[in-house]
PDB file of N, CA and C in Angstrom:
ATOM      1  N   MET A   1       7.992 -12.325 -38.191  1.00  0.00           N
ATOM      2  CA  MET A   1       7.343 -13.125 -36.992  1.00  0.00           C
ATOM      3  C   MET A   1       6.693 -12.403 -36.240  1.00  0.00           C
ATOM      4  N   LEU A   2       5.511 -12.473 -35.835  1.00  0.00           N
ATOM      5  CA  LEU A   2       4.903 -11.717 -34.672  1.00  0.00           C
ATOM      6  C   LEU A   2       5.228 -12.208 -33.329  1.00  0.00           C
ATOM      7  N   GLU A   3       5.314 -11.378 -32.422  1.00  0.00           N
ATOM      8  CA  GLU A   3       5.616 -11.432 -30.887  1.00  0.00           C
ATOM      9  C   GLU A   3       4.538 -10.984 -30.111  1.00  0.00           C
ATOM     10  N   PHE A   4       4.108 -11.636 -29.361  1.00  0.00           N
ATOM     11  CA  PHE A   4       2.662 -11.494 -28.519  1.00  0.00           C
ATOM     12  C   PHE A   4       3.136 -11.071 -27.276  1.00  0.00           C
ATOM     13  N   TYR A   5       2.463  -9.887 -26.600  1.00  0.00           N
ATOM     14  CA  TYR A   5       2.684  -9.308 -25.458  1.00  0.00           C
ATOM     15  C   TYR A   5       1.480  -9.270 -24.483  1.00  0.00           C
ATOM     16  N   VAL A   6       1.257  -9.639 -23.257  1.00  0.00           N
ATOM     17  CA  VAL A   6       0.628  -9.603 -22.267  1.00  0.00           C
ATOM     18  C   VAL A   6       0.692  -8.196 -21.312  1.00  0.00           C
ATOM     19  N   ASN A   7      -0.169  -7.546 -21.562  1.00  0.00           N
ATOM     20  CA  ASN A   7      -0.152  -5.964 -20.900  1.00  0.00           C
ATOM     21  C   ASN A   7      -1.228  -5.839 -19.803  1.00  0.00           C
ATOM     22  N   TYR A   8      -0.667  -5.317 -18.459  1.00  0.00           N
ATOM     23  CA  TYR A   8      -1.984  -5.145 -17.754  1.00  0.00           C
ATOM     24  C   TYR A   8      -1.306  -4.145 -16.589  1.00  0.00           C
ATOM     25  N   SER A   9      -2.172  -3.603 -15.900  1.00  0.00           N
ATOM     26  CA  SER A   9      -2.013  -2.994 -14.977  1.00  0.00           C
ATOM     27  C   SER A   9      -1.845  -3.455 -13.463  1.00  0.00           C
ATOM     28  N   ILE A  10      -1.063  -3.001 -12.693  1.00  0.00           N
ATOM     29  CA  ILE A  10      -1.063  -3.558 -10.964  1.00  0.00           C
ATOM     30  C   ILE A  10      -1.795  -2.253 -10.343  1.00  0.00           C
ATOM     31  N   ASN A  11      -2.680  -2.585  -9.494  1.00  0.00           N
ATOM     32  CA  ASN A  11      -3.038  -1.096  -9.024  1.00  0.00           C
ATOM     33  C   ASN A  11      -3.152  -1.031  -7.542  1.00  0.00           C
ATOM     34  N   SER A  12      -1.469  -0.912  -7.195  1.00  0.00           N
ATOM     35  CA  SER A  12      -0.857  -0.877  -5.817  1.00  0.00           C
ATOM     36  C   SER A  12      -0.531   0.422  -5.799  1.00  0.00           C
ATOM     37  N   GLY A  13      -1.086   1.019  -5.015  1.00  0.00           N
ATOM     38  CA  GLY A  13      -0.269   2.750  -4.705  1.00  0.00           C
ATOM     39  C   GLY A  13      -1.257   3.695  -5.488  1.00  0.00           C
ATOM     40  N   ALA A  14      -0.721   4.660  -5.037  1.00  0.00           N
ATOM     41  CA  ALA A  14      -1.419   5.839  -5.948  1.00  0.00           C
ATOM     42  C   ALA A  14      -1.649   5.565  -7.511  1.00  0.00           C
ATOM     43  N   THR A  15      -0.475   5.548  -7.960  1.00  0.00           N
ATOM     44  CA  THR A  15      -0.283   5.144  -9.224  1.00  0.00           C
ATOM     45  C   THR A  15      -0.314   3.997  -9.812  1.00  0.00           C
ATOM     46  N   PRO A  16      -1.053   3.180 -10.466  1.00  0.00           N
ATOM     47  CA  PRO A  16      -0.823   1.716 -10.995  1.00  0.00           C
ATOM     48  C   PRO A  16       0.264   1.746 -11.607  1.00  0.00           C
ATOM     49  N   LYS A  17       0.788   0.346 -11.533  1.00  0.00           N
ATOM     50  CA  LYS A  17       2.262  -0.041 -12.512  1.00  0.00           C
ATOM     51  C   LYS A  17       1.594  -0.540 -13.711  1.00  0.00           C
ATOM     52  N   ARG A  18       2.353  -0.082 -15.005  1.00  0.00           N
ATOM     53  CA  ARG A  18       1.629  -0.526 -16.304  1.00  0.00           C
ATOM     54  C   ARG A  18       3.040  -1.820 -16.365  1.00  0.00           C
ATOM     55  N   VAL A  19       2.498  -2.800 -16.534  1.00  0.00           N
ATOM     56  CA  VAL A  19       3.532  -3.942 -16.896  1.00  0.00           C
ATOM     57  C   VAL A  19       3.210  -4.970 -18.071  1.00  0.00           C
ATOM     58  N   GLN A  20       4.315  -5.566 -18.543  1.00  0.00           N
ATOM     59  CA  GLN A  20       4.126  -6.208 -19.921  1.00  0.00           C
ATOM     60  C   GLN A  20       4.928  -7.546 -19.815  1.00  0.00           C
ATOM     61  N   VAL A  21       4.400  -8.592 -20.066  1.00  0.00           N
ATOM     62  CA  VAL A  21       5.148  -9.972 -20.036  1.00  0.00           C
ATOM     63  C   VAL A  21       5.459 -10.438 -21.826  1.00  0.00           C
ATOM     64  N   GLY A  22       6.428 -10.803 -21.831  1.00  0.00           N
ATOM     65  CA  GLY A  22       6.614 -11.840 -23.091  1.00  0.00           C
ATOM     66  C   GLY A  22       8.073 -11.458 -23.684  1.00  0.00           C
ATOM     67  N   PRO A  23       8.209 -11.573 -24.533  1.00  0.00           N
ATOM     68  CA  PRO A  23       7.720 -11.815 -25.828  1.00  0.00           C
ATOM     69  C   PRO A  23       7.114 -13.537 -25.937  1.00  0.00           C
ATOM     70  N   PHE A  24       5.803 -13.673 -26.495  1.00  0.00           N
ATOM     71  CA  PHE A  24       5.443 -15.028 -26.462  1.00  0.00           C
ATOM     72  C   PHE A  24       5.299 -15.513 -28.105  1.00  0.00           C
ATOM     73  N   ASN A  25       5.730 -16.435 -28.791  1.00  0.00           N
ATOM     74  CA  ASN A  25       5.798 -16.610 -30.167  1.00  0.00           C
ATOM     75  C   ASN A  25       4.622 -17.137 -30.786  1.00  0.00           C
ATOM     76  N   ASN A  26       3.467 -17.019 -30.096  1.00  0.00           N
ATOM     77  CA  ASN A  26       2.032 -17.360 -30.746  1.00  0.00           C
ATOM     78  C   ASN A  26       1.360 -16.831 -29.545  1.00  0.00           C
ATOM     79  N   VAL A  27       0.013 -16.891 -30.312  1.00  0.00           N
ATOM     80  CA  VAL A  27      -0.954 -16.026 -29.343  1.00  0.00           C
ATOM     81  C   VAL A  27      -1.679 -17.108 -28.313  1.00  0.00           C
ATOM     82  N   ALA A  28      -1.766 -18.455 -28.860  1.00  0.00           N
ATOM     83  CA  ALA A  28      -2.239 -19.267 -27.647  1.00  0.00           C
ATOM     84  C   ALA A  28      -1.356 -19.021 -26.199  1.00  0.00           C
ATOM     85  N   LEU A  29      -0.109 -18.836 -26.602  1.00  0.00           N
ATOM     86  CA  LEU A  29       0.712 -18.944 -25.428  1.00  0.00           C
ATOM     87  C   LEU A  29       0.357 -17.608 -24.416  1.00  0.00           C
ATOM     88  N   ALA A  30       0.385 -16.590 -25.196  1.00  0.00           N
ATOM     89  CA  ALA A  30       0.178 -15.193 -24.727  1.00  0.00           C
ATOM     90  C   ALA A  30      -1.389 -15.213 -23.830  1.00  0.00           C
ATOM     91  N   THR A  31      -2.146 -15.766 -24.743  1.00  0.00           N
ATOM     92  CA  THR A  31      -3.550 -15.868 -23.979  1.00  0.00           C
ATOM     93  C   THR A  31      -3.588 -16.609 -22.950  1.00  0.00           C
ATOM     94  N   ASN A  32      -2.711 -17.957 -22.543  1.00  0.00           N
ATOM     95  CA  ASN A  32      -2.906 -18.739 -21.822  1.00  0.00           C
ATOM     96  C   ASN A  32      -2.119 -17.785 -20.576  1.00  0.00           C
ATOM     97  N   GLN A  33      -1.288 -16.990 -20.621  1.00  0.00           N
ATOM     98  CA  GLN A  33      -0.634 -16.330 -19.545  1.00  0.00           C
ATOM     99  C   GLN A  33      -1.526 -15.061 -19.140  1.00  0.00           C
ATOM    100  N   ARG A  34      -2.159 -14.515 -19.910  1.00  0.00           N
ATOM    101  CA  ARG A  34      -3.188 -13.525 -19.633  1.00  0.00           C
ATOM    102  C   ARG A  34      -4.116 -14.206 -19.111  1.00  0.00           C
ATOM    103  N   ALA A  35      -4.522 -15.756 -19.037  1.00  0.00           N
ATOM    104  CA  ALA A  35      -5.690 -15.872 -18.226  1.00  0.00           C
ATOM    105  C   ALA A  35      -5.338 -16.183 -16.764  1.00  0.00           C
ATOM    106  N   MET A  36      -3.967 -16.323 -16.720  1.00  0.00           N
ATOM    107  CA  MET A  36      -3.491 -16.526 -15.632  1.00  0.00           C
ATOM    108  C   MET A  36      -3.090 -15.638 -14.503  1.00  0.00           C
ATOM    109  N   ILE A  37      -2.748 -14.419 -15.218  1.00  0.00           N
ATOM    110  CA  ILE A  37      -2.623 -13.005 -14.692  1.00  0.00           C
ATOM    111  C   ILE A  37      -4.054 -12.297 -14.520  1.00  0.00           C
ATOM    112  N   GLU A  38      -5.107 -12.358 -15.417  1.00  0.00           N
ATOM    113  CA  GLU A  38      -6.218 -11.536 -15.167  1.00  0.00           C
ATOM    114  C   GLU A  38      -6.890 -11.970 -13.909  1.00  0.00           C
ATOM    115  N   ASN A  39      -6.765 -13.295 -13.367  1.00  0.00           N
ATOM    116  CA  ASN A  39      -7.467 -13.695 -12.305  1.00  0.00           C
ATOM    117  C   ASN A  39      -6.746 -13.270 -11.165  1.00  0.00           C
ATOM    118  N   SER A  40      -5.767 -12.589 -10.820  1.00  0.00           N
ATOM    119  CA  SER A  40      -4.889 -12.462  -9.737  1.00  0.00           C
ATOM    120  C   SER A  40      -5.828 -11.018  -9.203  1.00  0.00           C
ATOM    121  N   SER A  41      -5.438 -10.635  -7.764  1.00  0.00           N
ATOM    122  CA  SER A  41      -6.036  -9.766  -7.276  1.00  0.00           C
ATOM    123  C   SER A  41      -5.085  -8.484  -7.564  1.00  0.00           C
ATOM    124  N   GLY A  42      -5.920  -7.340  -7.889  1.00  0.00           N
ATOM    125  CA  GLY A  42      -5.019  -6.084  -7.654  1.00  0.00           C
ATOM    126  C   GLY A  42      -4.661  -5.876  -9.593  1.00  0.00           C
ATOM    127  N   ILE A  43      -5.074  -6.560 -10.312  1.00  0.00           N
ATOM    128  CA  ILE A  43      -4.611  -6.575 -11.954  1.00  0.00           C
ATOM    129  C   ILE A  43      -6.158  -5.903 -12.362  1.00  0.00           C
ATOM    130  N   SER A  44      -5.946  -5.111 -13.539  1.00  0.00           N
ATOM    131  CA  SER A  44      -6.731  -4.438 -14.383  1.00  0.00           C
ATOM    132  C   SER A  44      -6.124  -4.130 -15.535  1.00  0.00           C
ATOM    133  N   HIS A  45      -7.294  -3.894 -16.647  1.00  0.00           N
ATOM    134  CA  HIS A  45      -6.758  -3.584 -18.113  1.00  0.00           C
ATOM    135  C   HIS A  45      -5.619  -4.750 -18.673  1.00  0.00           C
ATOM    136  N   CYS A  46      -6.294  -5.703 -18.523  1.00  0.00           N
ATOM    137  CA  CYS A  46      -5.227  -7.096 -19.020  1.00  0.00           C
ATOM    138  C   CYS A  46      -5.850  -7.191 -20.520  1.00  0.00           C
ATOM    139  N   TRP A  47      -4.656  -7.384 -21.495  1.00  0.00           N
ATOM    140  CA  TRP A  47      -4.986  -7.700 -22.859  1.00  0.00           C
ATOM    141  C   TRP A  47      -3.608  -7.907 -23.436  1.00  0.00           C
ATOM    142  N   VAL A  48      -3.889  -8.858 -24.639  1.00  0.00           N
ATOM    143  CA  VAL A  48      -2.808  -9.547 -25.533  1.00  0.00           C
ATOM    144  C   VAL A  48      -2.526  -8.317 -26.890  1.00  0.00           C
ATOM    145  N   GLY A  49      -1.494  -7.691 -26.806  1.00  0.00           N
ATOM    146  CA  GLY A  49      -0.919  -7.230 -27.811  1.00  0.00           C
ATOM    147  C   GLY A  49       0.351  -7.537 -28.595  1.00  0.00           C
ATOM    148  N   ILE A  50       0.711  -7.038 -29.711  1.00  0.00           N
ATOM    149  CA  ILE A  50       1.759  -7.464 -30.719  1.00  0.00           C
ATOM    150  C   ILE A  50       3.063  -6.371 -30.643  1.00  0.00           C
ATOM    151  N   SER A  51       2.853  -5.474 -29.687  1.00  0.00           N
ATOM    152  CA  SER A  51       4.075  -4.663 -29.543  1.00  0.00           C
ATOM    153  C   SER A  51       4.303  -4.303 -28.256  1.00  0.00           C
ATOM    154  N   ARG A  52       5.776  -4.110 -28.403  1.00  0.00           N
ATOM    155  CA  ARG A  52       6.434  -3.969 -27.146  1.00  0.00           C
ATOM    156  C   ARG A  52       6.357  -2.310 -27.249  1.00  0.00           C
ATOM    157  N   ASP A  53       5.834  -2.047 -25.633  1.00  0.00           N
ATOM    158  CA  ASP A  53       5.769  -0.977 -25.146  1.00  0.00           C
ATOM    159  C   ASP A  53       6.730  -0.329 -24.277  1.00  0.00           C
ATOM    160  N   ASP A  54       7.653   0.529 -24.404  1.00  0.00           N
ATOM    161  CA  ASP A  54       8.888   0.998 -23.847  1.00  0.00           C
ATOM    162  C   ASP A  54       8.370   1.868 -22.600  1.00  0.00           C
ATOM    163  N   THR A  55       7.045   2.275 -22.519  1.00  0.00           N
ATOM    164  CA  THR A  55       6.476   3.091 -21.452  1.00  0.00           C
ATOM    165  C   THR A  55       6.158   2.154 -20.131  1.00  0.00           C
ATOM    166  N   ARG A  56       6.156   0.602 -20.406  1.00  0.00           N
ATOM    167  CA  ARG A  56       5.709  -0.241 -19.575  1.00  0.00           C
ATOM    168  C   ARG A  56       7.170  -0.857 -18.866  1.00  0.00           C
ATOM    169  N   GLN A  57       7.008  -1.828 -17.835  1.00  0.00           N
ATOM    170  CA  GLN A  57       7.961  -2.221 -17.388  1.00  0.00           C
ATOM    171  C   GLN A  57       7.835  -3.761 -18.031  1.00  0.00           C
ATOM    172  N   LEU A  58       9.131  -4.389 -18.074  1.00  0.00           N
ATOM    173  CA  LEU A  58       8.702  -5.698 -18.953  1.00  0.00           C
ATOM    174  C   LEU A  58       9.220  -6.547 -17.684  1.00  0.00           C
ATOM    175  N   LEU A  59       8.312  -7.503 -17.899  1.00  0.00           N
ATOM    176  CA  LEU A  59       8.273  -8.791 -16.784  1.00  0.00           C
ATOM    177  C   LEU A  59       8.794 -10.151 -17.436  1.00  0.00           C
ATOM    178  N   GLU A  60      10.159 -10.222 -16.976  1.00  0.00           N
ATOM    179  CA  GLU A  60      10.781 -11.341 -17.559  1.00  0.00           C
ATOM    180  C   GLU A  60       9.713 -12.733 -17.491  1.00  0.00           C
ATOM    181  N   ALA A  61       9.529 -13.398 -18.451  1.00  0.00           N
ATOM    182  CA  ALA A  61       8.496 -14.650 -18.327  1.00  0.00           C
ATOM    183  C   ALA A  61       9.126 -15.895 -17.512  1.00  0.00           C
ATOM    184  N   GLU A  62      10.362 -15.957 -17.535  1.00  0.00           N
ATOM    185  CA  GLU A  62      10.900 -17.259 -16.782  1.00  0.00           C
ATOM    186  C   GLU A  62      11.102 -16.931 -15.107  1.00  0.00           C
ATOM    187  N   THR A  63      10.965 -15.546 -14.725  1.00  0.00           N
ATOM    188  CA  THR A  63      11.268 -15.080 -13.394  1.00  0.00           C
ATOM    189  C   THR A  63      10.239 -14.166 -12.736  1.00  0.00           C
ATOM    190  N   PRO A  64       9.955 -14.432 -11.734  1.00  0.00           N
ATOM    191  CA  PRO A  64       8.823 -13.071 -11.014  1.00  0.00           C
ATOM    192  C   PRO A  64       9.476 -11.856 -10.970  1.00  0.00           C
ATOM    193  N   ARG A  65      11.013 -11.648 -11.570  1.00  0.00           N
ATOM    194  CA  ARG A  65      11.501 -10.439 -11.113  1.00  0.00           C
ATOM    195  C   ARG A  65      10.949  -9.301 -12.218  1.00  0.00           C
ATOM    196  N   ILE A  66      10.926  -8.132 -11.813  1.00  0.00           N
ATOM    197  CA  ILE A  66      10.101  -6.950 -12.677  1.00  0.00           C
ATOM    198  C   ILE A  66      11.581  -6.439 -13.333  1.00  0.00           C
ATOM    199  N   MET A  67      11.791  -6.206 -14.380  1.00  0.00           N
ATOM    200  CA  MET A  67      13.058  -5.424 -14.885  1.00  0.00           C
ATOM    201  C   MET A  67      12.449  -4.192 -16.069  1.00  0.00           C
ATOM    202  N   GLN A  68      13.210  -3.127 -16.129  1.00  0.00           N
ATOM    203  CA  GLN A  68      12.890  -2.215 -16.938  1.00  0.00           C
ATOM    204  C   GLN A  68      13.340  -2.422 -18.315  1.00  0.00           C
ATOM    205  N   PHE A  69      12.464  -2.270 -19.167  1.00  0.00           N
ATOM    206  CA  PHE A  69      12.956  -2.474 -20.363  1.00  0.00           C
ATOM    207  C   PHE A  69      13.206  -1.450 -21.303  1.00  0.00           C
ATOM    208  N   VAL A  70      14.755  -1.840 -21.419  1.00  0.00           N
ATOM    209  CA  VAL A  70      15.368  -0.760 -22.582  1.00  0.00           C
ATOM    210  C   VAL A  70      14.968  -0.868 -23.792  1.00  0.00           C
ATOM    211  N   PRO A  71      14.896  -0.082 -24.880  1.00  0.00           N
ATOM    212  CA  PRO A  71      14.624  -0.392 -26.157  1.00  0.00           C
ATOM    213  C   PRO A  71      16.045  -0.690 -26.852  1.00  0.00           C
ATOM    214  N   ALA A  72      16.284  -1.284 -27.855  1.00  0.00           N
ATOM    215  CA  ALA A  72      17.180  -1.496 -28.675  1.00  0.00           C
ATOM    216  C   ALA A  72      17.929  -0.405 -29.417  1.00  0.00           C
ATOM    217  N   ALA A  73      18.875   0.196 -29.450  1.00  0.00           N
ATOM    218  CA  ALA A  73      19.483   1.371 -30.035  1.00  0.00           C
ATOM    219  C   ALA A  73      18.703   1.367 -31.708  1.00  0.00           C
ATOM    220  N   SER A  74      18.186   2.109 -32.072  1.00  0.00           N
ATOM    221  CA  SER A  74      18.035   1.905 -33.580  1.00  0.00           C
ATOM    222  C   SER A  74      19.202   2.268 -34.755  1.00  0.00           C
ATOM    223  N   ALA A  75      19.309   1.697 -35.680  1.00  0.00           N
ATOM    224  CA  ALA A  75      20.597   1.749 -36.671  1.00  0.00           C
ATOM    225  C   ALA A  75      20.458   2.934 -37.283  1.00  0.00           C
ATOM    226  N   ALA A  76      21.301   3.486 -37.398  1.00  0.00           N
ATOM    227  CA  ALA A  76      21.313   5.133 -38.085  1.00  0.00           C
ATOM    228  C   ALA A  76      22.138   4.930 -39.344  1.00  0.00           C
TER     229      ALA A  76
END
């Protein structure tokens, strides 16, 4: 099953923060979230993707708290 993520940049300070929201289990939910985010001030490069990017901060969908995403340990 595919998981969808909304990716965007927050243009605050010298270096924009790269943020990701999700996962969403269908593209319609992710697209609705994108529409809300991209109309906020200071947001740029907003798109829906299907991969979790560990270079981005992951924003929990349920709360406004930003947390650092820690990838799961790969099975050896």
